[in-house]
C-alpha atoms as a PDB file:
ATOM      1  CA  MET A   1      66.789 109.948  77.325  1.00  0.00           C
ATOM      2  CA  LYS A   2      70.141 108.184  77.061  1.00  0.00           C
ATOM      3  CA  PHE A   3      71.530 106.714  80.292  1.00  0.00           C
ATOM      4  CA  THR A   4      75.200 107.400  81.048  1.00  0.00           C
ATOM      5  CA  GLY A   5      76.810 104.990  83.475  1.00  0.00           C
ATOM      6  CA  TYR A   6      79.608 106.012  85.800  1.00  0.00           C
ATOM      7  CA  ILE A   7      82.085 104.188  88.025  1.00  0.00           C
ATOM      8  CA  GLN A   8      81.421 104.284  91.764  1.00  0.00           C
ATOM      9  CA  VAL A   9      83.695 103.063  94.551  1.00  0.00           C
ATOM     10  CA  TYR A  10      82.597 102.433  98.129  1.00  0.00           C
ATOM     11  CA  THR A  11      85.615 101.892 100.362  1.00  0.00           C
ATOM     12  CA  GLY A  12      86.877 102.558 103.890  1.00  0.00           C
ATOM     13  CA  ASN A  13      86.921 100.698 107.193  1.00  0.00           C
ATOM     14  CA  GLY A  14      83.337 101.563 108.147  1.00  0.00           C
ATOM     15  CA  LYS A  15      80.200  99.485 107.754  1.00  0.00           C
ATOM     16  CA  GLY A  16      77.936 100.082 104.777  1.00  0.00           C
ATOM     17  CA  LYS A  17      79.850  99.475 101.539  1.00  0.00           C
ATOM     18  CA  THR A  18      77.878  96.451 100.383  1.00  0.00           C
ATOM     19  CA  THR A  19      74.700  97.898 101.862  1.00  0.00           C
ATOM     20  CA  ALA A  20      75.135 101.079  99.795  1.00  0.00           C
ATOM     21  CA  ALA A  21      75.712  99.079  96.612  1.00  0.00           C
ATOM     22  CA  LEU A  22      72.672  96.888  97.261  1.00  0.00           C
ATOM     23  CA  GLY A  23      70.614  99.986  98.044  1.00  0.00           C
ATOM     24  CA  LEU A  24      71.532 101.288  94.603  1.00  0.00           C
ATOM     25  CA  ALA A  25      70.399  97.963  93.093  1.00  0.00           C
ATOM     26  CA  LEU A  26      67.112  98.179  94.989  1.00  0.00           C
ATOM     27  CA  ARG A  27      66.539 101.755  93.826  1.00  0.00           C
ATOM     28  CA  ALA A  28      67.328 100.738  90.240  1.00  0.00           C
ATOM     29  CA  ALA A  29      64.900  97.794  90.440  1.00  0.00           C
ATOM     30  CA  GLY A  30      62.173 100.267  91.318  1.00  0.00           C
ATOM     31  CA  ARG A  31      62.868 101.943  87.958  1.00  0.00           C
ATOM     32  CA  GLY A  32      62.942  98.683  86.016  1.00  0.00           C
ATOM     33  CA  LYS A  33      66.746  98.523  85.757  1.00  0.00           C
ATOM     34  CA  LYS A  34      68.614  95.241  86.106  1.00  0.00           C
ATOM     35  CA  THR A  35      71.652  94.674  88.301  1.00  0.00           C
ATOM     36  CA  TYR A  36      74.274  91.951  88.339  1.00  0.00           C
ATOM     37  CA  VAL A  37      76.175  91.489  91.612  1.00  0.00           C
ATOM     38  CA  ALA A  38      79.373  89.436  91.828  1.00  0.00           C
ATOM     39  CA  GLN A  39      80.128  88.841  95.506  1.00  0.00           C
ATOM     40  CA  PHE A  40      83.782  88.068  95.930  1.00  0.00           C
ATOM     41  CA  MET A  41      85.069  86.450  99.108  1.00  0.00           C
ATOM     42  CA  LYS A  42      81.526  85.619 100.217  1.00  0.00           C
ATOM     43  CA  LYS A  43      79.854  82.243 100.241  1.00  0.00           C
ATOM     44  CA  GLY A  44      76.781  81.413 102.218  1.00  0.00           C
ATOM     45  CA  GLU A  45      73.285  82.498 103.051  1.00  0.00           C
ATOM     46  CA  TYR A  46      73.256  86.281 103.135  1.00  0.00           C
ATOM     47  CA  GLY A  47      69.960  88.150 103.443  1.00  0.00           C
ATOM     48  CA  GLU A  48      70.363  89.775 100.044  1.00  0.00           C
ATOM     49  CA  LEU A  49      70.449  86.335  98.399  1.00  0.00           C
ATOM     50  CA  LEU A  50      67.207  85.345 100.081  1.00  0.00           C
ATOM     51  CA  SER A  51      65.373  88.574  99.276  1.00  0.00           C
ATOM     52  CA  THR A  52      66.467  88.754  95.651  1.00  0.00           C
ATOM     53  CA  ALA A  53      65.611  85.105  95.030  1.00  0.00           C
ATOM     54  CA  GLU A  54      62.194  85.575  96.633  1.00  0.00           C
ATOM     55  CA  TYR A  55      61.165  89.056  95.541  1.00  0.00           C
ATOM     56  CA  LEU A  56      63.558  90.680  93.082  1.00  0.00           C
ATOM     57  CA  ALA A  57      64.849  87.905  90.831  1.00  0.00           C
ATOM     58  CA  ASP A  58      63.586  89.700  87.732  1.00  0.00           C
ATOM     59  CA  PHE A  59      65.793  92.696  88.521  1.00  0.00           C
ATOM     60  CA  ILE A  60      68.767  91.640  90.656  1.00  0.00           C
ATOM     61  CA  THR A  61      71.077  88.677  90.032  1.00  0.00           C
ATOM     62  CA  ILE A  62      73.630  87.792  92.714  1.00  0.00           C
ATOM     63  CA  GLU A  63      76.373  85.206  92.349  1.00  0.00           C
ATOM     64  CA  GLN A  64      79.002  84.384  94.961  1.00  0.00           C
ATOM     65  CA  PHE A  65      82.647  83.725  94.167  1.00  0.00           C
ATOM     66  CA  GLY A  66      84.118  83.075  97.564  1.00  0.00           C
ATOM     67  CA  LEU A  67      84.797  80.080  99.714  1.00  0.00           C
ATOM     68  CA  PRO A  68      82.713  79.218 102.768  1.00  0.00           C
ATOM     69  CA  ASP A  69      85.710  79.426 105.075  1.00  0.00           C
ATOM     70  CA  PHE A  70      87.703  82.324 103.633  1.00  0.00           C
ATOM     71  CA  HIS A  71      89.147  84.444 106.415  1.00  0.00           C
ATOM     72  CA  TYR A  72      92.438  86.029 105.511  1.00  0.00           C
ATOM     73  CA  THR A  73      95.017  85.244 108.148  1.00  0.00           C
ATOM     74  CA  GLY A  74      98.174  86.479 106.455  1.00  0.00           C
ATOM     75  CA  GLU A  75      98.912  83.070 105.013  1.00  0.00           C
ATOM     76  CA  ALA A  76      99.535  82.472 101.332  1.00  0.00           C
ATOM     77  CA  VAL A  77      96.528  82.646  99.060  1.00  0.00           C
ATOM     78  CA  THR A  78      95.380  79.201  97.986  1.00  0.00           C
ATOM     79  CA  GLU A  79      94.815  78.229  94.369  1.00  0.00           C
ATOM     80  CA  GLU A  80      91.201  77.524  95.262  1.00  0.00           C
ATOM     81  CA  GLU A  81      90.760  81.120  96.507  1.00  0.00           C
ATOM     82  CA  ARG A  82      92.429  82.532  93.427  1.00  0.00           C
ATOM     83  CA  GLU A  83      90.357  80.323  91.109  1.00  0.00           C
ATOM     84  CA  ALA A  84      87.083  81.362  92.788  1.00  0.00           C
ATOM     85  CA  ALA A  85      88.033  85.028  92.364  1.00  0.00           C
ATOM     86  CA  LEU A  86      89.022  84.586  88.725  1.00  0.00           C
ATOM     87  CA  ASN A  87      85.731  82.801  88.072  1.00  0.00           C
ATOM     88  CA  GLY A  88      84.035  85.894  89.463  1.00  0.00           C
ATOM     89  CA  VAL A  89      85.981  88.210  87.163  1.00  0.00           C
ATOM     90  CA  ALA A  90      85.022  86.034  84.185  1.00  0.00           C
ATOM     91  CA  ALA A  91      81.368  86.135  85.286  1.00  0.00           C
ATOM     92  CA  VAL A  92      81.492  89.938  85.465  1.00  0.00           C
ATOM     93  CA  GLN A  93      82.934  90.092  81.954  1.00  0.00           C
ATOM     94  CA  LYS A  94      80.192  87.757  80.742  1.00  0.00           C
ATOM     95  CA  ALA A  95      77.491  89.830  82.472  1.00  0.00           C
ATOM     96  CA  ILE A  96      78.801  93.000  80.810  1.00  0.00           C
ATOM     97  CA  ALA A  97      78.944  91.301  77.399  1.00  0.00           C
ATOM     98  CA  SER A  98      75.376  89.996  77.788  1.00  0.00           C
ATOM     99  CA  LYS A  99      74.031  93.582  77.660  1.00  0.00           C
ATOM    100  CA  LYS A 100      71.250  92.480  80.062  1.00  0.00           C
ATOM    101  CA  TYR A 101      72.327  94.668  82.980  1.00  0.00           C
ATOM    102  CA  ASP A 102      72.283  98.377  83.717  1.00  0.00           C
ATOM    103  CA  ILE A 103      74.406  98.086  86.869  1.00  0.00           C
ATOM    104  CA  ILE A 104      77.304  95.739  87.596  1.00  0.00           C
ATOM    105  CA  ILE A 105      78.505  95.465  91.201  1.00  0.00           C
ATOM    106  CA  LEU A 106      81.862  93.917  92.092  1.00  0.00           C
ATOM    107  CA  ASP A 107      81.301  93.412  95.814  1.00  0.00           C
ATOM    108  CA  GLU A 108      84.508  93.168  97.901  1.00  0.00           C
ATOM    109  CA  VAL A 109      86.729  93.345  94.816  1.00  0.00           C
ATOM    110  CA  ASN A 110      88.969  95.907  96.518  1.00  0.00           C
ATOM    111  CA  VAL A 111      89.756  93.384  99.254  1.00  0.00           C
ATOM    112  CA  LEU A 112      90.765  90.828  96.611  1.00  0.00           C
ATOM    113  CA  LEU A 113      93.180  93.370  95.187  1.00  0.00           C
ATOM    114  CA  TYR A 114      94.519  94.437  98.577  1.00  0.00           C
ATOM    115  CA  PHE A 115      95.412  90.837  99.468  1.00  0.00           C
ATOM    116  CA  ASN A 116      96.826  90.180  95.966  1.00  0.00           C
ATOM    117  CA  ILE A 117      94.388  87.363  95.382  1.00  0.00           C
ATOM    118  CA  ILE A 118      94.051  88.546  91.800  1.00  0.00           C
ATOM    119  CA  ASP A 119      95.980  90.970  89.633  1.00  0.00           C
ATOM    120  CA  ILE A 120      94.542  94.466  89.290  1.00  0.00           C
ATOM    121  CA  ASN A 121      94.885  94.606  85.481  1.00  0.00           C
ATOM    122  CA  PRO A 122      91.676  92.690  84.609  1.00  0.00           C
ATOM    123  CA  ILE A 123      89.703  94.998  86.918  1.00  0.00           C
ATOM    124  CA  LEU A 124      91.278  98.109  85.392  1.00  0.00           C
ATOM    125  CA  LYS A 125      90.421  96.725  81.951  1.00  0.00           C
ATOM    126  CA  ILE A 126      86.786  96.241  82.992  1.00  0.00           C
ATOM    127  CA  MET A 127      86.747  99.846  84.209  1.00  0.00           C
ATOM    128  CA  ARG A 128      88.360 101.154  81.019  1.00  0.00           C
ATOM    129  CA  GLU A 129      86.205  99.164  78.621  1.00  0.00           C
ATOM    130  CA  LYS A 130      82.848  99.214  80.349  1.00  0.00           C
ATOM    131  CA  PRO A 131      80.037 100.242  78.014  1.00  0.00           C
ATOM    132  CA  GLU A 132      78.868 103.827  78.422  1.00  0.00           C
ATOM    133  CA  ASN A 133      75.389 102.733  79.530  1.00  0.00           C
ATOM    134  CA  ILE A 134      76.525 100.557  82.474  1.00  0.00           C
ATOM    135  CA  GLU A 135      76.971 101.840  86.023  1.00  0.00           C
ATOM    136  CA  LEU A 136      79.924 100.012  87.570  1.00  0.00           C
ATOM    137  CA  VAL A 137      80.262  99.752  91.358  1.00  0.00           C
ATOM    138  CA  LEU A 138      83.326  98.419  93.198  1.00  0.00           C
ATOM    139  CA  THR A 139      83.162  97.836  96.939  1.00  0.00           C
ATOM    140  CA  GLY A 140      85.553  96.807  99.673  1.00  0.00           C
ATOM    141  CA  ARG A 141      87.979  98.432 102.049  1.00  0.00           C
ATOM    142  CA  ASN A 142      91.485  99.430 100.958  1.00  0.00           C
ATOM    143  CA  ALA A 143      90.615 100.433  97.400  1.00  0.00           C
ATOM    144  CA  PRO A 144      93.861 100.707  95.413  1.00  0.00           C
ATOM    145  CA  GLU A 145      94.851 104.187  94.250  1.00  0.00           C
ATOM    146  CA  GLU A 146      94.531 103.117  90.582  1.00  0.00           C
ATOM    147  CA  ILE A 147      90.885 102.196  91.188  1.00  0.00           C
ATOM    148  CA  ILE A 148      90.185 105.483  92.983  1.00  0.00           C
ATOM    149  CA  LYS A 149      91.807 107.523  90.190  1.00  0.00           C
ATOM    150  CA  ARG A 150      89.651 105.897  87.497  1.00  0.00           C
ATOM    151  CA  ALA A 151      86.376 106.184  89.426  1.00  0.00           C
ATOM    152  CA  ASP A 152      83.872 108.980  88.925  1.00  0.00           C
ATOM    153  CA  LEU A 153      82.532 108.802  92.478  1.00  0.00           C
ATOM    154  CA  VAL A 154      84.389 107.563  95.570  1.00  0.00           C
ATOM    155  CA  THR A 155      82.783 107.302  98.989  1.00  0.00           C
ATOM    156  CA  GLU A 156      84.830 106.351 102.023  1.00  0.00           C
ATOM    157  CA  MET A 157      82.922 104.790 104.897  1.00  0.00           C
ATOM    158  CA  LYS A 158      84.689 105.768 108.111  1.00  0.00           C
ATOM    159  CA  GLU A 159      84.170 103.802 111.289  1.00  0.00           C
ATOM    160  CA  ILE A 160      83.604 106.034 114.279  1.00  0.00           C
ATOM    161  CA  LYS A 161      82.105 103.426 116.595  1.00  0.00           C
ATOM    162  CA  HIS A 162      80.989  99.848 116.002  1.00  0.00           C
ATOM    163  CA  TYR A 163      79.332  97.247 118.190  1.00  0.00           C
ATOM    164  CA  TYR A 164      81.815  94.622 116.917  1.00  0.00           C
ATOM    165  CA  GLN A 165      84.194  96.242 119.403  1.00  0.00           C
ATOM    166  CA  LYS A 166      81.885  94.916 122.132  1.00  0.00           C
ATOM    167  CA  GLY A 167      82.112  91.397 120.703  1.00  0.00           C
ATOM    168  CA  ILE A 168      78.796  91.513 118.797  1.00  0.00           C
ATOM    169  CA  GLU A 169      78.872  89.028 115.903  1.00  0.00           C
ATOM    170  CA  ALA A 170      77.390  89.683 112.450  1.00  0.00           C
ATOM    171  CA  ARG A 171      73.600  89.550 112.824  1.00  0.00           C
ATOM    172  CA  SER A 172      71.230  87.875 110.409  1.00  0.00           C
ATOM    173  CA  GLY A 173      69.315  90.435 108.379  1.00  0.00           C
ATOM    174  CA  ILE A 174      71.593  93.325 109.420  1.00  0.00           C
ATOM    175  CA  GLU A 175      75.204  92.402 108.526  1.00  0.00           C
ATOM    176  CA  LYS A 176      74.525  89.152 106.691  1.00  0.00           C
END
């Protein structure tokens, strides 16, 4: 049976966008499918890096294209931030061209676009030109309307209540 890939977007201000995308990758690994994950704006030791390296390396590849200290403060985007993001876009294009992956995840790409770290056109081109057999997933809050319009599935995570409001930091193995 021929596999048809669609475009999914996970957005909104609630927790769970990356977790949903990685859950999809885990489910796909159970069926022998391979996933490439480009994590934008992230750099460091996240649980998903440790688990994929240890247990799922044959099925899930994760690369990070962020800086260790990126926290948007309203200041101008640095060339280093822009270059890291563009390297990620190039890696996604290379992963698609390799024909090794069934799923391509652009984690936090919507945040890149929201803060104008990169131009939206290369992402729209990836969406337009993706091969029919690849599932494409874009995560991050504030998904641009152009991304939403071109997607086949859009899920908005809505925060109702969150323990961050009580000053709880990101916990190892749960949020990172």
